[in-house]
Amino acid sequence: MDLGLTGKRFAVTGGTRGIGRAVVEGLLAEGARVAYCARTPESVSGAQAELGDGAVGTAVDVSDRAALTAWVNATAQDFGGLDGVVANVSALAIPESSDNWRSSFEVDMMGTVGLVDAALPLLEASGAGSIVTIASVSGREIDFAAGPYGAMKAAIIHYTQGLAFQLAGRGVRANTVSPGNTYFPGGVWPTIETEDPELFAQSLALNPTGRMATPREVANAVVFLSSAAASFITGTNLLVDGALTRGVQF
């Protein structure tokens, strides 16, 4: 299947590792031009050395609205426009605390809103703009991440489906991908595996596949929803969880 992504222009937040990195690689493999950001210059330079010249990395704190907007505008200027964005950054602030509520709101929620607000005029000008937000199965059901993380992921799903309805007549699609537990070096699950093996074993046992997702498996869904092959899909929340969740989606 030709996804129709050759020459398309994308901005991806949190693109140096895990799901975001796999999204950048997946878009590049389909012939897209990709700008990505992460919070620290060190993570960007490390990824840039591996990704090569096909992608452009920048250090951006997405909770800084002015910096995020400037990055989107600079990307559009360099690329001559923008056809899609992927809002992937998360503070991963799971335990209950005032600081975690604040950082989850500023990074997960407002980082997503800030990206969309900055990119929307450019996506409308594209004529076939795409917004993909990354939520989580924790936004759909109560699990160990209930609290700041789960609440903000649920809010992102609601926000994105609202965007889909509002923008459908303006040539911009908006969809969410909700991954299940995703295992990759440097991610949260290897840490849990080492520091809380009981929680790791319990979480692994919940999935009937007997394993966790890979970043590539989640990214494949993101790339598809970002493409012309998904031109009539908007307002969906696509679970990529190996049947982890039990609830029925209508």
C-alpha atoms as a PDB file:
ATOM      1  CA  MET A   1       0.000   0.000   0.000  1.00  0.00           C
ATOM      2  CA  ASP A   2       1.295   3.431  -0.947  1.00  0.00           C
ATOM      3  CA  LEU A   3       0.728   5.667   2.070  1.00  0.00           C
ATOM      4  CA  GLY A   4       1.257   8.822   0.010  1.00  0.00           C
ATOM      5  CA  LEU A   5       3.776  10.306   2.439  1.00  0.00           C
ATOM      6  CA  THR A   6       6.601  11.036   0.004  1.00  0.00           C
ATOM      7  CA  GLY A   7       7.574  14.681   0.358  1.00  0.00           C
ATOM      8  CA  LYS A   8       5.095  15.354   3.174  1.00  0.00           C
ATOM      9  CA  ARG A   9       6.305  17.508   6.055  1.00  0.00           C
ATOM     10  CA  PHE A  10       5.937  16.568   9.718  1.00  0.00           C
ATOM     11  CA  ALA A  11       6.792  17.834  13.175  1.00  0.00           C
ATOM     12  CA  VAL A  12       7.073  15.261  15.981  1.00  0.00           C
ATOM     13  CA  THR A  13       7.517  16.107  19.654  1.00  0.00           C
ATOM     14  CA  GLY A  14       9.512  13.744  21.832  1.00  0.00           C
ATOM     15  CA  GLY A  15      11.208  12.209  18.831  1.00  0.00           C
ATOM     16  CA  THR A  16      14.521  10.995  20.226  1.00  0.00           C
ATOM     17  CA  ARG A  17      13.546   7.674  21.810  1.00  0.00           C
ATOM     18  CA  GLY A  18      10.785   5.131  22.238  1.00  0.00           C
ATOM     19  CA  ILE A  19       7.546   5.629  20.348  1.00  0.00           C
ATOM     20  CA  GLY A  20       8.451   9.120  19.137  1.00  0.00           C
ATOM     21  CA  ARG A  21      11.754   7.942  17.714  1.00  0.00           C
ATOM     22  CA  ALA A  22      10.011   5.050  15.954  1.00  0.00           C
ATOM     23  CA  VAL A  23       7.481   7.504  14.499  1.00  0.00           C
ATOM     24  CA  VAL A  24      10.288   9.664  13.110  1.00  0.00           C
ATOM     25  CA  GLU A  25      11.943   6.611  11.585  1.00  0.00           C
ATOM     26  CA  GLY A  26       8.651   5.341  10.168  1.00  0.00           C
ATOM     27  CA  LEU A  27       7.826   8.648   8.508  1.00  0.00           C
ATOM     28  CA  LEU A  28      11.326   8.911   7.078  1.00  0.00           C
ATOM     29  CA  ALA A  29      11.043   5.396   5.663  1.00  0.00           C
ATOM     30  CA  GLU A  30       7.907   6.489   3.794  1.00  0.00           C
ATOM     31  CA  GLY A  31       9.706   9.434   2.210  1.00  0.00           C
ATOM     32  CA  ALA A  32       8.481  12.217   4.501  1.00  0.00           C
ATOM     33  CA  ARG A  33      10.520  15.124   5.781  1.00  0.00           C
ATOM     34  CA  VAL A  34      10.580  15.204   9.566  1.00  0.00           C
ATOM     35  CA  ALA A  35      11.481  17.726  12.237  1.00  0.00           C
ATOM     36  CA  TYR A  36      11.533  16.436  15.783  1.00  0.00           C
ATOM     37  CA  CYS A  37      12.226  17.871  19.190  1.00  0.00           C
ATOM     38  CA  ALA A  38      13.133  16.750  22.686  1.00  0.00           C
ATOM     39  CA  ARG A  39      13.810  18.600  25.904  1.00  0.00           C
ATOM     40  CA  THR A  40      17.605  18.323  26.129  1.00  0.00           C
ATOM     41  CA  PRO A  41      20.310  19.138  23.576  1.00  0.00           C
ATOM     42  CA  GLU A  42      22.120  15.927  24.545  1.00  0.00           C
ATOM     43  CA  SER A  43      19.226  13.678  23.551  1.00  0.00           C
ATOM     44  CA  VAL A  44      18.769  15.544  20.282  1.00  0.00           C
ATOM     45  CA  SER A  45      22.436  15.359  19.317  1.00  0.00           C
ATOM     46  CA  GLY A  46      22.532  11.643  20.121  1.00  0.00           C
ATOM     47  CA  ALA A  47      19.484  10.941  17.962  1.00  0.00           C
ATOM     48  CA  GLN A  48      20.707  13.191  15.169  1.00  0.00           C
ATOM     49  CA  ALA A  49      23.933  11.232  14.864  1.00  0.00           C
ATOM     50  CA  GLU A  50      21.902   8.068  14.297  1.00  0.00           C
ATOM     51  CA  LEU A  51      19.099   9.485  12.158  1.00  0.00           C
ATOM     52  CA  GLY A  52      21.317  11.409   9.774  1.00  0.00           C
ATOM     53  CA  ASP A  53      20.348  14.326   7.587  1.00  0.00           C
ATOM     54  CA  GLY A  54      16.854  13.112   6.750  1.00  0.00           C
ATOM     55  CA  ALA A  55      15.464  14.475  10.018  1.00  0.00           C
ATOM     56  CA  VAL A  56      16.059  17.773  11.796  1.00  0.00           C
ATOM     57  CA  GLY A  57      16.276  17.772  15.586  1.00  0.00           C
ATOM     58  CA  THR A  58      15.897  20.705  17.978  1.00  0.00           C
ATOM     59  CA  ALA A  59      15.954  20.999  21.754  1.00  0.00           C
ATOM     60  CA  VAL A  60      12.538  22.340  22.822  1.00  0.00           C
ATOM     61  CA  ASP A  61      10.696  22.239  26.136  1.00  0.00           C
ATOM     62  CA  VAL A  62       7.082  21.778  25.017  1.00  0.00           C
ATOM     63  CA  SER A  63       5.791  23.319  28.246  1.00  0.00           C
ATOM     64  CA  ASP A  64       7.316  26.612  27.012  1.00  0.00           C
ATOM     65  CA  ARG A  65       4.565  27.815  24.664  1.00  0.00           C
ATOM     66  CA  ALA A  66       6.709  30.509  23.031  1.00  0.00           C
ATOM     67  CA  ALA A  67       9.580  28.098  22.334  1.00  0.00           C
ATOM     68  CA  LEU A  68       7.208  25.461  20.974  1.00  0.00           C
ATOM     69  CA  THR A  69       5.520  27.960  18.657  1.00  0.00           C
ATOM     70  CA  ALA A  70       8.873  29.279  17.450  1.00  0.00           C
ATOM     71  CA  TRP A  71       9.999  25.722  16.641  1.00  0.00           C
ATOM     72  CA  VAL A  72       6.852  24.968  14.648  1.00  0.00           C
ATOM     73  CA  ASN A  73       7.176  28.214  12.698  1.00  0.00           C
ATOM     74  CA  ALA A  74      10.873  27.632  12.007  1.00  0.00           C
ATOM     75  CA  THR A  75      10.109  24.108  10.813  1.00  0.00           C
ATOM     76  CA  ALA A  76       7.425  25.381   8.471  1.00  0.00           C
ATOM     77  CA  GLN A  77       9.773  28.007   7.109  1.00  0.00           C
ATOM     78  CA  ASP A  78      12.517  25.437   6.485  1.00  0.00           C
ATOM     79  CA  PHE A  79      10.125  22.897   4.943  1.00  0.00           C
ATOM     80  CA  GLY A  80       7.955  25.344   3.049  1.00  0.00           C
ATOM     81  CA  GLY A  81       4.889  24.346   5.059  1.00  0.00           C
ATOM     82  CA  LEU A  82       3.619  21.568   7.297  1.00  0.00           C
ATOM     83  CA  ASP A  83       1.337  18.616   6.565  1.00  0.00           C
ATOM     84  CA  GLY A  84       1.176  16.828   9.893  1.00  0.00           C
ATOM     85  CA  VAL A  85       2.081  16.877  13.564  1.00  0.00           C
ATOM     86  CA  VAL A  86       2.482  14.116  16.118  1.00  0.00           C
ATOM     87  CA  ALA A  87       2.134  15.130  19.780  1.00  0.00           C
ATOM     88  CA  ASN A  88       4.092  12.480  21.627  1.00  0.00           C
ATOM     89  CA  VAL A  89       5.766  14.104  24.650  1.00  0.00           C
ATOM     90  CA  SER A  90       4.782  13.011  28.157  1.00  0.00           C
ATOM     91  CA  ALA A  91       6.128  13.969  31.559  1.00  0.00           C
ATOM     92  CA  LEU A  92       5.404  10.361  32.652  1.00  0.00           C
ATOM     93  CA  ALA A  93       4.424  11.799  36.020  1.00  0.00           C
ATOM     94  CA  ILE A  94       2.565   8.857  37.518  1.00  0.00           C
ATOM     95  CA  PRO A  95       2.619   9.102  41.341  1.00  0.00           C
ATOM     96  CA  GLU A  96       0.077  11.409  42.991  1.00  0.00           C
ATOM     97  CA  SER A  97       1.614  14.770  43.940  1.00  0.00           C
ATOM     98  CA  SER A  98       0.964  18.429  43.265  1.00  0.00           C
ATOM     99  CA  ASP A  99       4.136  18.646  41.210  1.00  0.00           C
ATOM    100  CA  ASN A 100       3.131  15.677  39.072  1.00  0.00           C
ATOM    101  CA  TRP A 101      -0.328  17.087  38.444  1.00  0.00           C
ATOM    102  CA  ARG A 102       1.257  20.362  37.387  1.00  0.00           C
ATOM    103  CA  SER A 103       3.905  18.828  35.132  1.00  0.00           C
ATOM    104  CA  SER A 104       1.389  16.433  33.550  1.00  0.00           C
ATOM    105  CA  PHE A 105      -0.879  19.336  32.726  1.00  0.00           C
ATOM    106  CA  GLU A 106       1.892  21.571  31.392  1.00  0.00           C
ATOM    107  CA  VAL A 107       3.731  18.892  29.377  1.00  0.00           C
ATOM    108  CA  ASP A 108       1.171  16.252  28.361  1.00  0.00           C
ATOM    109  CA  MET A 109      -1.915  18.410  27.977  1.00  0.00           C
ATOM    110  CA  MET A 110      -0.701  21.914  27.181  1.00  0.00           C
ATOM    111  CA  GLY A 111       2.260  20.602  25.183  1.00  0.00           C
ATOM    112  CA  THR A 112      -0.300  18.933  22.919  1.00  0.00           C
ATOM    113  CA  VAL A 113      -2.544  21.998  22.773  1.00  0.00           C
ATOM    114  CA  GLY A 114       0.422  24.280  22.107  1.00  0.00           C
ATOM    115  CA  LEU A 115       1.621  22.128  19.220  1.00  0.00           C
ATOM    116  CA  VAL A 116      -1.822  22.048  17.630  1.00  0.00           C
ATOM    117  CA  ASP A 117      -2.427  25.775  18.097  1.00  0.00           C
ATOM    118  CA  ALA A 118       0.908  26.654  16.496  1.00  0.00           C
ATOM    119  CA  ALA A 119       0.522  24.213  13.607  1.00  0.00           C
ATOM    120  CA  LEU A 120      -3.155  24.612  12.767  1.00  0.00           C
ATOM    121  CA  PRO A 121      -2.891  27.473  10.237  1.00  0.00           C
ATOM    122  CA  LEU A 122      -0.158  25.530   8.451  1.00  0.00           C
ATOM    123  CA  LEU A 123      -2.158  22.295   8.464  1.00  0.00           C
ATOM    124  CA  GLU A 124      -5.176  24.083   7.026  1.00  0.00           C
ATOM    125  CA  ALA A 125      -2.989  25.551   4.288  1.00  0.00           C
ATOM    126  CA  SER A 126      -1.775  22.033   3.472  1.00  0.00           C
ATOM    127  CA  GLY A 127      -5.255  20.991   2.394  1.00  0.00           C
ATOM    128  CA  ALA A 128      -4.732  17.524   3.884  1.00  0.00           C
ATOM    129  CA  GLY A 129      -3.438  18.209   7.381  1.00  0.00           C
ATOM    130  CA  SER A 130      -3.104  15.520  10.025  1.00  0.00           C
ATOM    131  CA  ILE A 131      -2.928  15.677  13.807  1.00  0.00           C
ATOM    132  CA  VAL A 132      -2.053  12.520  15.752  1.00  0.00           C
ATOM    133  CA  THR A 133      -1.898  12.654  19.530  1.00  0.00           C
ATOM    134  CA  ILE A 134      -0.396   9.920  21.682  1.00  0.00           C
ATOM    135  CA  ALA A 135      -2.510   8.999  24.685  1.00  0.00           C
ATOM    136  CA  SER A 136      -2.511   5.666  26.539  1.00  0.00           C
ATOM    137  CA  VAL A 137      -4.735   2.801  27.584  1.00  0.00           C
ATOM    138  CA  SER A 138      -4.428   4.475  31.001  1.00  0.00           C
ATOM    139  CA  GLY A 139      -6.658   7.224  29.633  1.00  0.00           C
ATOM    140  CA  ARG A 140      -9.381   4.658  28.961  1.00  0.00           C
ATOM    141  CA  GLU A 141      -9.392   2.505  32.078  1.00  0.00           C
ATOM    142  CA  ILE A 142      -8.215   2.659  35.681  1.00  0.00           C
ATOM    143  CA  ASP A 143      -4.824   1.044  36.237  1.00  0.00           C
ATOM    144  CA  PHE A 144      -1.672   1.705  38.244  1.00  0.00           C
ATOM    145  CA  ALA A 145      -1.218   5.013  36.382  1.00  0.00           C
ATOM    146  CA  ALA A 146      -4.555   6.452  37.536  1.00  0.00           C
ATOM    147  CA  GLY A 147      -3.998  10.019  38.705  1.00  0.00           C
ATOM    148  CA  PRO A 148      -2.049  12.723  36.858  1.00  0.00           C
ATOM    149  CA  TYR A 149      -0.902  10.529  33.975  1.00  0.00           C
ATOM    150  CA  GLY A 150      -4.168   8.724  33.298  1.00  0.00           C
ATOM    151  CA  ALA A 151      -6.296  11.839  33.730  1.00  0.00           C
ATOM    152  CA  MET A 152      -4.268  13.859  31.241  1.00  0.00           C
ATOM    153  CA  LYS A 153      -4.271  11.032  28.709  1.00  0.00           C
ATOM    154  CA  ALA A 154      -8.066  10.846  28.979  1.00  0.00           C
ATOM    155  CA  ALA A 155      -8.228  14.602  28.464  1.00  0.00           C
ATOM    156  CA  ILE A 156      -6.038  14.317  25.364  1.00  0.00           C
ATOM    157  CA  ILE A 157      -8.416  11.760  23.847  1.00  0.00           C
ATOM    158  CA  HIS A 158     -11.408  14.036  24.480  1.00  0.00           C
ATOM    159  CA  TYR A 159      -9.556  17.084  23.153  1.00  0.00           C
ATOM    160  CA  THR A 160      -8.511  15.282  19.969  1.00  0.00           C
ATOM    161  CA  GLN A 161     -11.983  13.991  19.198  1.00  0.00           C
ATOM    162  CA  GLY A 162     -13.281  17.518  19.657  1.00  0.00           C
ATOM    163  CA  LEU A 163     -10.678  18.747  17.177  1.00  0.00           C
ATOM    164  CA  ALA A 164     -11.784  16.114  14.669  1.00  0.00           C
ATOM    165  CA  PHE A 165     -15.353  17.378  14.726  1.00  0.00           C
ATOM    166  CA  GLN A 166     -14.360  21.039  14.609  1.00  0.00           C
ATOM    167  CA  LEU A 167     -11.809  20.660  11.813  1.00  0.00           C
ATOM    168  CA  ALA A 168     -13.472  18.075   9.566  1.00  0.00           C
ATOM    169  CA  GLY A 169     -14.760  20.747   7.215  1.00  0.00           C
ATOM    170  CA  ARG A 170     -11.418  22.531   7.144  1.00  0.00           C
ATOM    171  CA  GLY A 171      -9.320  19.754   5.645  1.00  0.00           C
ATOM    172  CA  VAL A 172      -7.590  18.675   8.849  1.00  0.00           C
ATOM    173  CA  ARG A 173      -7.955  15.236  10.461  1.00  0.00           C
ATOM    174  CA  ALA A 174      -7.296  14.504  14.153  1.00  0.00           C
ATOM    175  CA  ASN A 175      -6.799  11.060  15.666  1.00  0.00           C
ATOM    176  CA  THR A 176      -5.365   9.519  18.812  1.00  0.00           C
ATOM    177  CA  VAL A 177      -3.237   6.417  19.251  1.00  0.00           C
ATOM    178  CA  SER A 178      -3.453   4.817  22.700  1.00  0.00           C
ATOM    179  CA  PRO A 179      -0.596   2.387  23.266  1.00  0.00           C
ATOM    180  CA  GLY A 180      -0.595  -0.360  25.818  1.00  0.00           C
ATOM    181  CA  ASN A 181       2.537  -1.082  27.823  1.00  0.00           C
ATOM    182  CA  THR A 182       5.495  -0.490  25.502  1.00  0.00           C
ATOM    183  CA  TYR A 183       8.954  -1.845  26.275  1.00  0.00           C
ATOM    184  CA  PHE A 184      12.146  -0.220  25.025  1.00  0.00           C
ATOM    185  CA  PRO A 185      15.616   0.535  26.428  1.00  0.00           C
ATOM    186  CA  GLY A 186      15.533   3.745  28.440  1.00  0.00           C
ATOM    187  CA  GLY A 187      11.768   3.561  28.865  1.00  0.00           C
ATOM    188  CA  VAL A 188       9.736   3.216  32.032  1.00  0.00           C
ATOM    189  CA  TRP A 189       9.196  -0.551  31.825  1.00  0.00           C
ATOM    190  CA  PRO A 190      12.851  -1.670  32.031  1.00  0.00           C
ATOM    191  CA  THR A 191      13.119   0.494  35.154  1.00  0.00           C
ATOM    192  CA  ILE A 192       9.997  -1.075  36.653  1.00  0.00           C
ATOM    193  CA  GLU A 193      11.300  -4.519  35.696  1.00  0.00           C
ATOM    194  CA  THR A 194      14.408  -3.857  37.790  1.00  0.00           C
ATOM    195  CA  GLU A 195      12.997  -1.816  40.670  1.00  0.00           C
ATOM    196  CA  ASP A 196       9.517  -3.309  41.050  1.00  0.00           C
ATOM    197  CA  PRO A 197       9.570  -6.809  39.547  1.00  0.00           C
ATOM    198  CA  GLU A 198       6.217  -7.661  41.132  1.00  0.00           C
ATOM    199  CA  LEU A 199       4.442  -4.815  39.315  1.00  0.00           C
ATOM    200  CA  PHE A 200       6.249  -5.735  36.103  1.00  0.00           C
ATOM    201  CA  ALA A 201       5.129  -9.359  36.351  1.00  0.00           C
ATOM    202  CA  GLN A 202       1.548  -8.348  37.143  1.00  0.00           C
ATOM    203  CA  SER A 203       1.441  -5.933  34.208  1.00  0.00           C
ATOM    204  CA  LEU A 204       2.928  -8.450  31.808  1.00  0.00           C
ATOM    205  CA  ALA A 205       0.448 -11.110  32.943  1.00  0.00           C
ATOM    206  CA  LEU A 206      -2.497  -8.840  32.041  1.00  0.00           C
ATOM    207  CA  ASN A 207      -1.686  -9.020  28.342  1.00  0.00           C
ATOM    208  CA  PRO A 208      -2.930 -12.210  26.634  1.00  0.00           C
ATOM    209  CA  THR A 209      -0.127 -11.954  24.085  1.00  0.00           C
ATOM    210  CA  GLY A 210       2.362 -12.548  26.894  1.00  0.00           C
ATOM    211  CA  ARG A 211       4.462  -9.525  25.970  1.00  0.00           C
ATOM    212  CA  MET A 212       4.515  -5.761  25.689  1.00  0.00           C
ATOM    213  CA  ALA A 213       4.438  -3.680  22.518  1.00  0.00           C
ATOM    214  CA  THR A 214       7.497  -2.484  20.672  1.00  0.00           C
ATOM    215  CA  PRO A 215       7.771   1.187  19.720  1.00  0.00           C
ATOM    216  CA  ARG A 216       7.677   0.190  16.047  1.00  0.00           C
ATOM    217  CA  GLU A 217       4.305  -1.523  16.467  1.00  0.00           C
ATOM    218  CA  VAL A 218       2.817   1.643  17.922  1.00  0.00           C
ATOM    219  CA  ALA A 219       4.534   3.884  15.399  1.00  0.00           C
ATOM    220  CA  ASN A 220       3.085   1.898  12.498  1.00  0.00           C
ATOM    221  CA  ALA A 221      -0.382   2.963  13.611  1.00  0.00           C
ATOM    222  CA  VAL A 222       0.721   6.591  13.914  1.00  0.00           C
ATOM    223  CA  VAL A 223       2.278   6.611  10.448  1.00  0.00           C
ATOM    224  CA  PHE A 224      -0.827   5.068   8.908  1.00  0.00           C
ATOM    225  CA  LEU A 225      -3.181   7.579  10.559  1.00  0.00           C
ATOM    226  CA  SER A 226      -0.893  10.396   9.395  1.00  0.00           C
ATOM    227  CA  SER A 227      -1.109   9.258   5.789  1.00  0.00           C
ATOM    228  CA  ALA A 228      -3.396   9.721   2.805  1.00  0.00           C
ATOM    229  CA  ALA A 229      -4.335   6.052   3.154  1.00  0.00           C
ATOM    230  CA  ALA A 230      -6.331   7.134   6.242  1.00  0.00           C
ATOM    231  CA  SER A 231      -7.958  10.102   4.504  1.00  0.00           C
ATOM    232  CA  PHE A 232     -11.464   9.346   5.815  1.00  0.00           C
ATOM    233  CA  ILE A 233     -10.394   8.410   9.345  1.00  0.00           C
ATOM    234  CA  THR A 234     -10.759  11.213  11.846  1.00  0.00           C
ATOM    235  CA  GLY A 235     -11.920  11.312  15.446  1.00  0.00           C
ATOM    236  CA  THR A 236     -10.749   7.782  16.230  1.00  0.00           C
ATOM    237  CA  ASN A 237      -8.877   6.557  19.288  1.00  0.00           C
ATOM    238  CA  LEU A 238      -6.871   3.606  18.026  1.00  0.00           C
ATOM    239  CA  LEU A 239      -5.786   1.146  20.707  1.00  0.00           C
ATOM    240  CA  VAL A 240      -2.473  -0.595  20.092  1.00  0.00           C
ATOM    241  CA  ASP A 241      -2.391  -2.844  23.125  1.00  0.00           C
ATOM    242  CA  GLY A 242      -2.442  -6.524  22.173  1.00  0.00           C
ATOM    243  CA  ALA A 243      -5.934  -6.943  23.683  1.00  0.00           C
ATOM    244  CA  LEU A 244      -4.756  -5.615  27.046  1.00  0.00           C
ATOM    245  CA  THR A 245      -7.929  -3.614  27.613  1.00  0.00           C
ATOM    246  CA  ARG A 246     -11.165  -5.521  28.113  1.00  0.00           C
ATOM    247  CA  GLY A 247     -13.770  -2.824  27.507  1.00  0.00           C
ATOM    248  CA  VAL A 248     -15.739  -2.735  24.257  1.00  0.00           C
ATOM    249  CA  GLN A 249     -15.292   0.347  22.074  1.00  0.00           C
ATOM    250  CA  PHE A 250     -18.442   1.382  20.229  1.00  0.00           C
END
